[in-house]
Amino acid sequence: MAKKQKGLLGSILLKIVLLLFIVYSIINLTTAQIRLSKNKQELEQLQAQQQELQLTNQELQEMLKDGSYEDLIERALRENGYVRSDEKVYTDITGK
């Protein structure tokens, strides 16, 4: 009887270990899928940002080729909030 009990105990222990391994594997695969999904979203955002920067870079290079340094300087100043002295500035206070 002792051998039967040891064999039964070993079989139960093996099933428990196997079950724990399966649960661990499922949890690990699920977390990996979630990370993969987040990484794909981040990659798509970064690729869109890269395309936008490439277009901006191309525009700036074309401005330089055309010799329109004044336009380039004006654009940089406007992006930093500067306006011409003869311009009127209107501020939208509606919050839209």
PDB file of N, CA and C in Angstrom:
ATOM      1  N   MET A   1       0.797  -1.188   0.000  1.00  0.00           N
ATOM      2  CA  MET A   1       0.000   0.000   0.000  1.00  0.00           C
ATOM      3  C   MET A   1       0.840   1.253   0.000  1.00  0.00           C
ATOM      4  N   ALA A   2       1.958   1.206   0.566  1.00  0.00           N
ATOM      5  CA  ALA A   2       2.822   2.380   0.634  1.00  0.00           C
ATOM      6  C   ALA A   2       3.265   2.791  -0.765  1.00  0.00           C
ATOM      7  N   LYS A   3       3.528   1.786  -1.621  1.00  0.00           N
ATOM      8  CA  LYS A   3       3.937   2.100  -2.991  1.00  0.00           C
ATOM      9  C   LYS A   3       2.784   2.730  -3.761  1.00  0.00           C
ATOM     10  N   LYS A   4       1.575   2.260  -3.529  1.00  0.00           N
ATOM     11  CA  LYS A   4       0.403   2.802  -4.200  1.00  0.00           C
ATOM     12  C   LYS A   4       0.186   4.258  -3.799  1.00  0.00           C
ATOM     13  N   GLN A   5       0.347   4.538  -2.509  1.00  0.00           N
ATOM     14  CA  GLN A   5       0.154   5.898  -2.028  1.00  0.00           C
ATOM     15  C   GLN A   5       1.228   6.827  -2.574  1.00  0.00           C
ATOM     16  N   LYS A   6       2.474   6.363  -2.654  1.00  0.00           N
ATOM     17  CA  LYS A   6       3.556   7.172  -3.203  1.00  0.00           C
ATOM     18  C   LYS A   6       3.313   7.457  -4.680  1.00  0.00           C
ATOM     19  N   GLY A   7       2.865   6.453  -5.387  1.00  0.00           N
ATOM     20  CA  GLY A   7       2.578   6.624  -6.814  1.00  0.00           C
ATOM     21  C   GLY A   7       1.424   7.583  -7.035  1.00  0.00           C
ATOM     22  N   LEU A   8       0.396   7.469  -6.214  1.00  0.00           N
ATOM     23  CA  LEU A   8      -0.758   8.357  -6.294  1.00  0.00           C
ATOM     24  C   LEU A   8      -0.367   9.781  -5.917  1.00  0.00           C
ATOM     25  N   LEU A   9       0.428   9.910  -4.885  1.00  0.00           N
ATOM     26  CA  LEU A   9       0.892  11.226  -4.441  1.00  0.00           C
ATOM     27  C   LEU A   9       1.779  11.866  -5.512  1.00  0.00           C
ATOM     28  N   GLY A  10       2.646  11.077  -6.104  1.00  0.00           N
ATOM     29  CA  GLY A  10       3.517  11.584  -7.174  1.00  0.00           C
ATOM     30  C   GLY A  10       2.713  12.010  -8.392  1.00  0.00           C
ATOM     31  N   SER A  11       1.674  11.256  -8.720  1.00  0.00           N
ATOM     32  CA  SER A  11       0.816  11.579  -9.858  1.00  0.00           C
ATOM     33  C   SER A  11       0.057  12.883  -9.607  1.00  0.00           C
ATOM     34  N   ILE A  12      -0.465  13.033  -8.393  1.00  0.00           N
ATOM     35  CA  ILE A  12      -1.187  14.261  -8.043  1.00  0.00           C
ATOM     36  C   ILE A  12      -0.243  15.457  -8.060  1.00  0.00           C
ATOM     37  N   LEU A  13       0.948  15.269  -7.500  1.00  0.00           N
ATOM     38  CA  LEU A  13       1.947  16.337  -7.473  1.00  0.00           C
ATOM     39  C   LEU A  13       2.349  16.735  -8.893  1.00  0.00           C
ATOM     40  N   LEU A  14       2.514  15.769  -9.763  1.00  0.00           N
ATOM     41  CA  LEU A  14       2.869  16.048 -11.149  1.00  0.00           C
ATOM     42  C   LEU A  14       1.761  16.833 -11.845  1.00  0.00           C
ATOM     43  N   LYS A  15       0.505  16.464 -11.591  1.00  0.00           N
ATOM     44  CA  LYS A  15      -0.628  17.181 -12.184  1.00  0.00           C
ATOM     45  C   LYS A  15      -0.700  18.617 -11.675  1.00  0.00           C
ATOM     46  N   ILE A  16      -0.433  18.816 -10.389  1.00  0.00           N
ATOM     47  CA  ILE A  16      -0.446  20.174  -9.824  1.00  0.00           C
ATOM     48  C   ILE A  16       0.657  21.031 -10.445  1.00  0.00           C
ATOM     49  N   VAL A  17       1.841  20.465 -10.565  1.00  0.00           N
ATOM     50  CA  VAL A  17       2.961  21.198 -11.174  1.00  0.00           C
ATOM     51  C   VAL A  17       2.646  21.531 -12.632  1.00  0.00           C
ATOM     52  N   LEU A  18       2.081  20.599 -13.346  1.00  0.00           N
ATOM     53  CA  LEU A  18       1.715  20.821 -14.739  1.00  0.00           C
ATOM     54  C   LEU A  18       0.642  21.901 -14.852  1.00  0.00           C
ATOM     55  N   LEU A  19      -0.344  21.867 -13.976  1.00  0.00           N
ATOM     56  CA  LEU A  19      -1.400  22.878 -13.962  1.00  0.00           C
ATOM     57  C   LEU A  19      -0.830  24.259 -13.660  1.00  0.00           C
ATOM     58  N   LEU A  20       0.063  24.347 -12.687  1.00  0.00           N
ATOM     59  CA  LEU A  20       0.699  25.626 -12.358  1.00  0.00           C
ATOM     60  C   LEU A  20       1.522  26.160 -13.536  1.00  0.00           C
ATOM     61  N   PHE A  21       2.208  25.272 -14.231  1.00  0.00           N
ATOM     62  CA  PHE A  21       2.995  25.682 -15.397  1.00  0.00           C
ATOM     63  C   PHE A  21       2.085  26.211 -16.502  1.00  0.00           C
ATOM     64  N   ILE A  22       0.954  25.576 -16.714  1.00  0.00           N
ATOM     65  CA  ILE A  22       0.006  26.017 -17.743  1.00  0.00           C
ATOM     66  C   ILE A  22      -0.559  27.392 -17.379  1.00  0.00           C
ATOM     67  N   VAL A  23      -0.946  27.578 -16.122  1.00  0.00           N
ATOM     68  CA  VAL A  23      -1.471  28.876 -15.675  1.00  0.00           C
ATOM     69  C   VAL A  23      -0.411  29.963 -15.846  1.00  0.00           C
ATOM     70  N   TYR A  24       0.816  29.658 -15.432  1.00  0.00           N
ATOM     71  CA  TYR A  24       1.922  30.613 -15.579  1.00  0.00           C
ATOM     72  C   TYR A  24       2.135  30.957 -17.052  1.00  0.00           C
ATOM     73  N   SER A  25       2.088  29.981 -17.918  1.00  0.00           N
ATOM     74  CA  SER A  25       2.295  30.215 -19.352  1.00  0.00           C
ATOM     75  C   SER A  25       1.190  31.091 -19.936  1.00  0.00           C
ATOM     76  N   ILE A  26      -0.043  30.841 -19.541  1.00  0.00           N
ATOM     77  CA  ILE A  26      -1.173  31.643 -20.036  1.00  0.00           C
ATOM     78  C   ILE A  26      -1.030  33.090 -19.581  1.00  0.00           C
ATOM     79  N   ILE A  27      -0.689  33.298 -18.319  1.00  0.00           N
ATOM     80  CA  ILE A  27      -0.503  34.660 -17.803  1.00  0.00           C
ATOM     81  C   ILE A  27       0.646  35.342 -18.533  1.00  0.00           C
ATOM     82  N   ASN A  28       1.722  34.637 -18.732  1.00  0.00           N
ATOM     83  CA  ASN A  28       2.891  35.195 -19.416  1.00  0.00           C
ATOM     84  C   ASN A  28       2.562  35.563 -20.860  1.00  0.00           C
ATOM     85  N   LEU A  29       1.838  34.718 -21.567  1.00  0.00           N
ATOM     86  CA  LEU A  29       1.446  35.004 -22.947  1.00  0.00           C
ATOM     87  C   LEU A  29       0.496  36.194 -23.024  1.00  0.00           C
ATOM     88  N   THR A  30      -0.414  36.293 -22.068  1.00  0.00           N
ATOM     89  CA  THR A  30      -1.363  37.409 -22.051  1.00  0.00           C
ATOM     90  C   THR A  30      -0.633  38.733 -21.838  1.00  0.00           C
ATOM     91  N   THR A  31       0.263  38.781 -20.903  1.00  0.00           N
ATOM     92  CA  THR A  31       1.010  40.021 -20.665  1.00  0.00           C
ATOM     93  C   THR A  31       1.891  40.366 -21.862  1.00  0.00           C
ATOM     94  N   ALA A  32       2.433  39.363 -22.513  1.00  0.00           N
ATOM     95  CA  ALA A  32       3.241  39.618 -23.704  1.00  0.00           C
ATOM     96  C   ALA A  32       2.387  40.201 -24.827  1.00  0.00           C
ATOM     97  N   GLN A  33       1.170  39.697 -24.982  1.00  0.00           N
ATOM     98  CA  GLN A  33       0.251  40.225 -26.004  1.00  0.00           C
ATOM     99  C   GLN A  33      -0.107  41.677 -25.712  1.00  0.00           C
ATOM    100  N   ILE A  34      -0.347  41.998 -24.448  1.00  0.00           N
ATOM    101  CA  ILE A  34      -0.681  43.370 -24.064  1.00  0.00           C
ATOM    102  C   ILE A  34       0.493  44.296 -24.357  1.00  0.00           C
ATOM    103  N   ARG A  35       1.695  43.886 -23.992  1.00  0.00           N
ATOM    104  CA  ARG A  35       2.889  44.699 -24.281  1.00  0.00           C
ATOM    105  C   ARG A  35       3.078  44.872 -25.775  1.00  0.00           C
ATOM    106  N   LEU A  36       2.850  43.823 -26.541  1.00  0.00           N
ATOM    107  CA  LEU A  36       2.998  43.896 -27.991  1.00  0.00           C
ATOM    108  C   LEU A  36       2.008  44.889 -28.586  1.00  0.00           C
ATOM    109  N   SER A  37       0.782  44.859 -28.102  1.00  0.00           N
ATOM    110  CA  SER A  37      -0.238  45.786 -28.581  1.00  0.00           C
ATOM    111  C   SER A  37       0.146  47.225 -28.280  1.00  0.00           C
ATOM    112  N   LYS A  38       0.611  47.490 -27.076  1.00  0.00           N
ATOM    113  CA  LYS A  38       1.043  48.840 -26.697  1.00  0.00           C
ATOM    114  C   LYS A  38       2.237  49.287 -27.539  1.00  0.00           C
ATOM    115  N   ASN A  39       3.165  48.386 -27.768  1.00  0.00           N
ATOM    116  CA  ASN A  39       4.344  48.719 -28.571  1.00  0.00           C
ATOM    117  C   ASN A  39       3.971  49.012 -30.023  1.00  0.00           C
ATOM    118  N   LYS A  40       2.986  48.288 -30.549  1.00  0.00           N
ATOM    119  CA  LYS A  40       2.525  48.548 -31.918  1.00  0.00           C
ATOM    120  C   LYS A  40       1.904  49.935 -32.022  1.00  0.00           C
ATOM    121  N   GLN A  41       1.100  50.309 -31.021  1.00  0.00           N
ATOM    122  CA  GLN A  41       0.491  51.638 -31.011  1.00  0.00           C
ATOM    123  C   GLN A  41       1.571  52.715 -30.956  1.00  0.00           C
ATOM    124  N   GLU A  42       2.542  52.521 -30.101  1.00  0.00           N
ATOM    125  CA  GLU A  42       3.632  53.493 -29.969  1.00  0.00           C
ATOM    126  C   GLU A  42       4.417  53.595 -31.274  1.00  0.00           C
ATOM    127  N   LEU A  43       4.644  52.467 -31.927  1.00  0.00           N
ATOM    128  CA  LEU A  43       5.356  52.465 -33.195  1.00  0.00           C
ATOM    129  C   LEU A  43       4.582  53.245 -34.256  1.00  0.00           C
ATOM    130  N   GLU A  44       3.265  53.043 -34.324  1.00  0.00           N
ATOM    131  CA  GLU A  44       2.443  53.773 -35.284  1.00  0.00           C
ATOM    132  C   GLU A  44       2.499  55.269 -35.034  1.00  0.00           C
ATOM    133  N   GLN A  45       2.454  55.669 -33.758  1.00  0.00           N
ATOM    134  CA  GLN A  45       2.540  57.087 -33.419  1.00  0.00           C
ATOM    135  C   GLN A  45       3.894  57.665 -33.815  1.00  0.00           C
ATOM    136  N   LEU A  46       4.947  56.918 -33.541  1.00  0.00           N
ATOM    137  CA  LEU A  46       6.291  57.391 -33.879  1.00  0.00           C
ATOM    138  C   LEU A  46       6.490  57.465 -35.396  1.00  0.00           C
ATOM    139  N   GLN A  47       5.903  56.529 -36.135  1.00  0.00           N
ATOM    140  CA  GLN A  47       6.016  56.578 -37.591  1.00  0.00           C
ATOM    141  C   GLN A  47       5.263  57.783 -38.154  1.00  0.00           C
ATOM    142  N   ALA A  48       4.107  58.097 -37.585  1.00  0.00           N
ATOM    143  CA  ALA A  48       3.356  59.276 -38.024  1.00  0.00           C
ATOM    144  C   ALA A  48       4.143  60.541 -37.719  1.00  0.00           C
ATOM    145  N   GLN A  49       4.744  60.578 -36.553  1.00  0.00           N
ATOM    146  CA  GLN A  49       5.562  61.736 -36.175  1.00  0.00           C
ATOM    147  C   GLN A  49       6.777  61.857 -37.094  1.00  0.00           C
ATOM    148  N   GLN A  50       7.366  60.735 -37.459  1.00  0.00           N
ATOM    149  CA  GLN A  50       8.518  60.749 -38.360  1.00  0.00           C
ATOM    150  C   GLN A  50       8.120  61.305 -39.725  1.00  0.00           C
ATOM    151  N   GLN A  51       6.973  60.888 -40.245  1.00  0.00           N
ATOM    152  CA  GLN A  51       6.515  61.391 -41.535  1.00  0.00           C
ATOM    153  C   GLN A  51       6.276  62.894 -41.481  1.00  0.00           C
ATOM    154  N   GLU A  52       5.691  63.346 -40.383  1.00  0.00           N
ATOM    155  CA  GLU A  52       5.428  64.778 -40.215  1.00  0.00           C
ATOM    156  C   GLU A  52       6.736  65.562 -40.180  1.00  0.00           C
ATOM    157  N   LEU A  53       7.709  65.043 -39.466  1.00  0.00           N
ATOM    158  CA  LEU A  53       9.007  65.718 -39.381  1.00  0.00           C
ATOM    159  C   LEU A  53       9.733  65.699 -40.724  1.00  0.00           C
ATOM    160  N   GLN A  54       9.588  64.611 -41.464  1.00  0.00           N
ATOM    161  CA  GLN A  54      10.209  64.550 -42.785  1.00  0.00           C
ATOM    162  C   GLN A  54       9.606  65.590 -43.725  1.00  0.00           C
ATOM    163  N   LEU A  55       8.282  65.768 -43.660  1.00  0.00           N
ATOM    164  CA  LEU A  55       7.626  66.775 -44.489  1.00  0.00           C
ATOM    165  C   LEU A  55       8.084  68.183 -44.107  1.00  0.00           C
ATOM    166  N   THR A  56       8.169  68.441 -42.812  1.00  0.00           N
ATOM    167  CA  THR A  56       8.644  69.740 -42.342  1.00  0.00           C
ATOM    168  C   THR A  56      10.074  69.972 -42.792  1.00  0.00           C
ATOM    169  N   ASN A  57      10.891  68.963 -42.677  1.00  0.00           N
ATOM    170  CA  ASN A  57      12.291  69.065 -43.100  1.00  0.00           C
ATOM    171  C   ASN A  57      12.383  69.336 -44.595  1.00  0.00           C
ATOM    172  N   GLN A  58      11.560  68.659 -45.367  1.00  0.00           N
ATOM    173  CA  GLN A  58      11.549  68.851 -46.817  1.00  0.00           C
ATOM    174  C   GLN A  58      11.128  70.282 -47.161  1.00  0.00           C
ATOM    175  N   GLU A  59      10.101  70.801 -46.468  1.00  0.00           N
ATOM    176  CA  GLU A  59       9.661  72.179 -46.702  1.00  0.00           C
ATOM    177  C   GLU A  59      10.784  73.164 -46.415  1.00  0.00           C
ATOM    178  N   LEU A  60      11.460  72.956 -45.295  1.00  0.00           N
ATOM    179  CA  LEU A  60      12.546  73.860 -44.918  1.00  0.00           C
ATOM    180  C   LEU A  60      13.702  73.788 -45.918  1.00  0.00           C
ATOM    181  N   GLN A  61      14.012  72.615 -46.406  1.00  0.00           N
ATOM    182  CA  GLN A  61      15.086  72.470 -47.392  1.00  0.00           C
ATOM    183  C   GLN A  61      14.718  73.164 -48.698  1.00  0.00           C
ATOM    184  N   GLU A  62      13.457  73.060 -49.097  1.00  0.00           N
ATOM    185  CA  GLU A  62      13.009  73.736 -50.312  1.00  0.00           C
ATOM    186  C   GLU A  62      13.064  75.250 -50.152  1.00  0.00           C
ATOM    187  N   MET A  63      12.723  75.740 -48.951  1.00  0.00           N
ATOM    188  CA  MET A  63      12.814  77.176 -48.695  1.00  0.00           C
ATOM    189  C   MET A  63      14.268  77.645 -48.796  1.00  0.00           C
ATOM    190  N   LEU A  64      15.161  76.831 -48.296  1.00  0.00           N
ATOM    191  CA  LEU A  64      16.580  77.193 -48.376  1.00  0.00           C
ATOM    192  C   LEU A  64      17.081  77.165 -49.818  1.00  0.00           C
ATOM    193  N   LYS A  65      16.626  76.176 -50.603  1.00  0.00           N
ATOM    194  CA  LYS A  65      17.042  76.084 -52.004  1.00  0.00           C
ATOM    195  C   LYS A  65      16.549  77.279 -52.802  1.00  0.00           C
ATOM    196  N   ASP A  66      15.331  77.731 -52.487  1.00  0.00           N
ATOM    197  CA  ASP A  66      14.760  78.867 -53.201  1.00  0.00           C
ATOM    198  C   ASP A  66      15.421  80.176 -52.798  1.00  0.00           C
ATOM    199  N   GLY A  67      16.209  80.156 -51.745  1.00  0.00           N
ATOM    200  CA  GLY A  67      16.888  81.363 -51.302  1.00  0.00           C
ATOM    201  C   GLY A  67      15.983  82.298 -50.514  1.00  0.00           C
ATOM    202  N   SER A  68      14.880  81.789 -50.025  1.00  0.00           N
ATOM    203  CA  SER A  68      13.955  82.642 -49.284  1.00  0.00           C
ATOM    204  C   SER A  68      14.277  82.577 -47.793  1.00  0.00           C
ATOM    205  N   TYR A  69      15.429  83.128 -47.448  1.00  0.00           N
ATOM    206  CA  TYR A  69      15.849  83.135 -46.057  1.00  0.00           C
ATOM    207  C   TYR A  69      14.905  83.987 -45.206  1.00  0.00           C
ATOM    208  N   GLU A  70      14.370  85.037 -45.815  1.00  0.00           N
ATOM    209  CA  GLU A  70      13.450  85.908 -45.074  1.00  0.00           C
ATOM    210  C   GLU A  70      12.209  85.126 -44.641  1.00  0.00           C
ATOM    211  N   ASP A  71      11.685  84.310 -45.559  1.00  0.00           N
ATOM    212  CA  ASP A  71      10.511  83.499 -45.222  1.00  0.00           C
ATOM    213  C   ASP A  71      10.832  82.509 -44.098  1.00  0.00           C
ATOM    214  N   LEU A  72      12.028  81.945 -44.166  1.00  0.00           N
ATOM    215  CA  LEU A  72      12.446  80.984 -43.154  1.00  0.00           C
ATOM    216  C   LEU A  72      12.575  81.657 -41.790  1.00  0.00           C
ATOM    217  N   ILE A  73      13.168  82.840 -41.780  1.00  0.00           N
ATOM    218  CA  ILE A  73      13.325  83.579 -40.527  1.00  0.00           C
ATOM    219  C   ILE A  73      11.957  84.002 -39.994  1.00  0.00           C
ATOM    220  N   GLU A  74      11.089  84.488 -40.892  1.00  0.00           N
ATOM    221  CA  GLU A  74       9.750  84.901 -40.470  1.00  0.00           C
ATOM    222  C   GLU A  74       8.976  83.726 -39.873  1.00  0.00           C
ATOM    223  N   ARG A  75       9.085  82.585 -40.493  1.00  0.00           N
ATOM    224  CA  ARG A  75       8.387  81.393 -39.996  1.00  0.00           C
ATOM    225  C   ARG A  75       8.880  81.034 -38.599  1.00  0.00           C
ATOM    226  N   ALA A  76      10.191  81.061 -38.414  1.00  0.00           N
ATOM    227  CA  ALA A  76      10.750  80.722 -37.106  1.00  0.00           C
ATOM    228  C   ALA A  76      10.295  81.720 -36.047  1.00  0.00           C
ATOM    229  N   LEU A  77      10.263  82.988 -36.387  1.00  0.00           N
ATOM    230  CA  LEU A  77       9.828  84.006 -35.433  1.00  0.00           C
ATOM    231  C   LEU A  77       8.346  83.848 -35.100  1.00  0.00           C
ATOM    232  N   ARG A  78       7.519  83.579 -36.110  1.00  0.00           N
ATOM    233  CA  ARG A  78       6.085  83.404 -35.860  1.00  0.00           C
ATOM    234  C   ARG A  78       5.816  82.183 -34.980  1.00  0.00           C
ATOM    235  N   GLU A  79       6.584  81.128 -35.175  1.00  0.00           N
ATOM    236  CA  GLU A  79       6.423  79.937 -34.340  1.00  0.00           C
ATOM    237  C   GLU A  79       6.762  80.226 -32.886  1.00  0.00           C
ATOM    238  N   ASN A  80       7.589  81.236 -32.657  1.00  0.00           N
ATOM    239  CA  ASN A  80       7.959  81.615 -31.292  1.00  0.00           C
ATOM    240  C   ASN A  80       7.120  82.769 -30.749  1.00  0.00           C
ATOM    241  N   GLY A  81       6.046  83.139 -31.475  1.00  0.00           N
ATOM    242  CA  GLY A  81       5.109  84.117 -30.962  1.00  0.00           C
ATOM    243  C   GLY A  81       5.360  85.549 -31.379  1.00  0.00           C
ATOM    244  N   TYR A  82       6.314  85.792 -32.232  1.00  0.00           N
ATOM    245  CA  TYR A  82       6.597  87.156 -32.675  1.00  0.00           C
ATOM    246  C   TYR A  82       5.673  87.541 -33.824  1.00  0.00           C
ATOM    247  N   VAL A  83       5.349  88.847 -33.900  1.00  0.00           N
ATOM    248  CA  VAL A  83       4.538  89.384 -34.996  1.00  0.00           C
ATOM    249  C   VAL A  83       5.209  90.642 -35.511  1.00  0.00           C
ATOM    250  N   ARG A  84       4.788  91.081 -36.686  1.00  0.00           N
ATOM    251  CA  ARG A  84       5.316  92.329 -37.244  1.00  0.00           C
ATOM    252  C   ARG A  84       4.760  93.509 -36.461  1.00  0.00           C
ATOM    253  N   SER A  85       5.487  94.603 -36.505  1.00  0.00           N
ATOM    254  CA  SER A  85       5.069  95.776 -35.736  1.00  0.00           C
ATOM    255  C   SER A  85       3.798  96.409 -36.306  1.00  0.00           C
ATOM    256  N   ASP A  86       3.528  96.225 -37.600  1.00  0.00           N
ATOM    257  CA  ASP A  86       2.339  96.821 -38.199  1.00  0.00           C
ATOM    258  C   ASP A  86       1.124  95.882 -38.190  1.00  0.00           C
ATOM    259  N   GLU A  87       1.232  94.721 -37.562  1.00  0.00           N
ATOM    260  CA  GLU A  87       0.135  93.763 -37.509  1.00  0.00           C
ATOM    261  C   GLU A  87      -0.712  93.967 -36.257  1.00  0.00           C
ATOM    262  N   LYS A  88      -1.988  93.679 -36.399  1.00  0.00           N
ATOM    263  CA  LYS A  88      -2.886  93.681 -35.257  1.00  0.00           C
ATOM    264  C   LYS A  88      -3.059  92.231 -34.806  1.00  0.00           C
ATOM    265  N   VAL A  89      -2.971  92.013 -33.518  1.00  0.00           N
ATOM    266  CA  VAL A  89      -3.086  90.680 -32.953  1.00  0.00           C
ATOM    267  C   VAL A  89      -4.404  90.555 -32.217  1.00  0.00           C
ATOM    268  N   TYR A  90      -5.178  89.559 -32.579  1.00  0.00           N
ATOM    269  CA  TYR A  90      -6.457  89.293 -31.922  1.00  0.00           C
ATOM    270  C   TYR A  90      -6.333  87.996 -31.121  1.00  0.00           C
ATOM    271  N   THR A  91      -6.847  88.020 -29.917  1.00  0.00           N
ATOM    272  CA  THR A  91      -6.790  86.844 -29.049  1.00  0.00           C
ATOM    273  C   THR A  91      -8.190  86.283 -28.887  1.00  0.00           C
ATOM    274  N   ASP A  92      -8.334  85.010 -29.144  1.00  0.00           N
ATOM    275  CA  ASP A  92      -9.614  84.332 -29.005  1.00  0.00           C
ATOM    276  C   ASP A  92      -9.817  83.965 -27.539  1.00  0.00           C
ATOM    277  N   ILE A  93     -10.775  84.623 -26.897  1.00  0.00           N
ATOM    278  CA  ILE A  93     -11.012  84.371 -25.474  1.00  0.00           C
ATOM    279  C   ILE A  93     -12.187  83.439 -25.248  1.00  0.00           C
ATOM    280  N   THR A  94     -12.758  82.913 -26.342  1.00  0.00           N
ATOM    281  CA  THR A  94     -13.907  82.013 -26.180  1.00  0.00           C
ATOM    282  C   THR A  94     -13.487  80.627 -25.716  1.00  0.00           C
ATOM    283  N   GLY A  95     -12.214  80.296 -25.880  1.00  0.00           N
ATOM    284  CA  GLY A  95     -11.721  79.002 -25.433  1.00  0.00           C
ATOM    285  C   GLY A  95     -12.005  77.879 -26.402  1.00  0.00           C
ATOM    286  N   LYS A  96     -12.399  78.191 -27.608  1.00  0.00           N
ATOM    287  CA  LYS A  96     -12.693  77.161 -28.601  1.00  0.00           C
ATOM    288  C   LYS A  96     -11.469  76.785 -29.359  1.00  0.00           C
TER     289      LYS A  96
END
